[in-house]
Amino acid sequence: MYILSSNKSEHIKSIYENHTGRERGYFYLNRYGIPIKKKDDKNNIVTIPGLILINNKYREILIIEGKKFSNLNQGLKEINNFDLIENLHVKKEYSEYDTSRGVVT
């Protein structure tokens, strides 16, 4: 997925990358990163995707989970759990953008 985020057009940029491991990534607004908490204020677990891209030309946010093809069904289930990160960060900061979710194999 890193290749996907680095081979982008001038209108598309990464605003979140999860490099796995224990450390949480940062949600980027301009040049400054906001840490993504493991839980929200109500103690709900914030499930994070592998990558979030912003397309400024078409005013859309792409929330992407990466899986091996053999785990595609698991990824399709997991993208349903991105409501918190979408509502706490994406829609809060980019309310005028459309959002979509998908799985990359």
Protein backbone atom coordinates (compact mmCIF):
# COMPACT_ATOMS: atom_id res chain seq x y z
CA MET A 1 0.00 0.00 0.00
CA TYR A 2 2.95 2.31 0.45
CA ILE A 3 3.54 2.08 -3.30
CA LEU A 4 -0.10 3.06 -3.84
CA SER A 5 0.32 6.16 -1.69
CA SER A 6 3.64 7.19 -3.22
CA ASN A 7 2.55 6.81 -6.88
CA LYS A 8 -0.18 9.38 -6.76
CA SER A 9 -1.11 12.32 -8.87
CA GLU A 10 -0.58 15.91 -7.80
CA HIS A 11 -4.20 15.96 -6.53
CA ILE A 12 -3.95 12.88 -4.31
CA LYS A 13 -1.97 12.67 -1.09
CA SER A 14 -1.81 10.44 1.93
CA ILE A 15 -3.28 11.87 5.13
CA TYR A 16 -2.87 8.66 7.17
CA GLU A 17 -0.59 5.63 6.85
CA ASN A 18 -0.58 2.68 9.22
CA HIS A 19 2.81 0.97 9.15
CA THR A 20 1.61 -1.82 11.49
CA GLY A 21 3.17 -2.57 14.83
CA ARG A 22 2.17 -1.06 18.16
CA GLU A 23 2.70 2.59 17.32
CA ARG A 24 -0.32 4.49 16.06
CA GLY A 25 -0.03 6.65 12.97
CA TYR A 26 -0.78 10.34 12.62
CA PHE A 27 -3.71 11.92 10.80
CA TYR A 28 -2.19 14.78 8.80
CA LEU A 29 -3.73 18.20 8.40
CA ASN A 30 -1.45 20.32 6.26
CA ARG A 31 2.02 19.60 7.69
CA TYR A 32 0.99 18.74 11.25
CA GLY A 33 0.11 15.25 12.44
CA ILE A 34 -2.60 14.50 14.97
CA PRO A 35 -2.05 11.22 16.84
CA ILE A 36 -4.85 8.69 16.44
CA LYS A 37 -5.94 7.45 19.87
CA LYS A 38 -6.60 3.76 20.48
CA LYS A 39 -9.95 4.55 22.12
CA ASP A 40 -12.46 7.39 21.90
CA ASP A 41 -13.84 9.38 24.84
CA LYS A 42 -16.45 6.64 25.48
CA ASN A 43 -13.74 3.93 25.62
CA ASN A 44 -14.67 2.48 22.21
CA ILE A 45 -11.77 1.00 20.23
CA VAL A 46 -10.85 3.11 17.18
CA THR A 47 -10.24 0.63 14.35
CA ILE A 48 -7.71 2.05 11.92
CA PRO A 49 -7.27 1.41 8.19
CA GLY A 50 -4.02 0.84 6.39
CA LEU A 51 -4.20 4.08 4.43
CA ILE A 52 -6.32 7.20 3.98
CA LEU A 53 -5.91 9.22 0.79
CA ILE A 54 -7.37 12.60 -0.05
CA ASN A 55 -8.21 13.59 -3.62
CA ASN A 56 -8.51 17.37 -3.64
CA LYS A 57 -9.50 17.54 -7.31
CA TYR A 58 -12.66 15.47 -6.79
CA ARG A 59 -13.09 16.36 -3.11
CA GLU A 60 -13.09 12.78 -1.89
CA ILE A 61 -11.45 10.75 0.84
CA LEU A 62 -10.51 7.12 0.22
CA ILE A 63 -10.26 4.92 3.33
CA ILE A 64 -8.33 1.80 2.37
CA GLU A 65 -7.54 -1.49 4.06
CA GLY A 66 -4.83 -3.73 2.63
CA LYS A 67 -5.11 -7.52 2.74
CA LYS A 68 -3.65 -10.53 1.01
CA PHE A 69 -6.11 -11.92 -1.53
CA SER A 70 -6.62 -14.95 0.72
CA ASN A 71 -7.89 -12.54 3.45
CA LEU A 72 -10.12 -10.43 1.21
CA ASN A 73 -13.33 -11.38 3.04
CA GLN A 74 -11.77 -10.39 6.36
CA GLY A 75 -10.84 -7.01 4.89
CA LEU A 76 -14.37 -6.50 3.56
CA LYS A 77 -15.69 -7.06 7.09
CA GLU A 78 -13.07 -4.79 8.66
CA ILE A 79 -13.93 -1.74 6.55
CA ASN A 80 -17.32 -1.72 8.28
CA ASN A 81 -15.49 -0.91 11.53
CA PHE A 82 -13.99 2.40 10.39
CA ASP A 83 -16.93 4.55 11.56
CA LEU A 84 -15.04 6.05 14.51
CA ILE A 85 -11.96 7.14 12.59
CA GLU A 86 -14.19 8.44 9.81
CA ASN A 87 -16.39 10.44 12.19
CA LEU A 88 -13.71 11.57 14.68
CA HIS A 89 -11.15 12.66 12.11
CA VAL A 90 -12.12 12.49 8.45
CA LYS A 91 -15.61 14.02 8.52
CA LYS A 92 -14.63 16.43 11.28
CA GLU A 93 -11.79 17.91 9.23
CA TYR A 94 -13.11 17.31 5.70
CA SER A 95 -16.88 17.60 6.07
CA GLU A 96 -17.28 18.91 2.50
CA TYR A 97 -15.59 15.80 1.02
CA ASP A 98 -17.25 12.51 0.07
CA THR A 99 -15.79 9.41 1.70
CA SER A 100 -15.55 5.85 0.45
CA ARG A 101 -13.97 2.68 1.80
CA GLY A 102 -12.30 -0.18 0.00
CA VAL A 103 -9.91 -3.11 0.21
CA VAL A 104 -6.70 -3.39 -1.79
CA THR A 105 -5.22 -6.87 -2.29
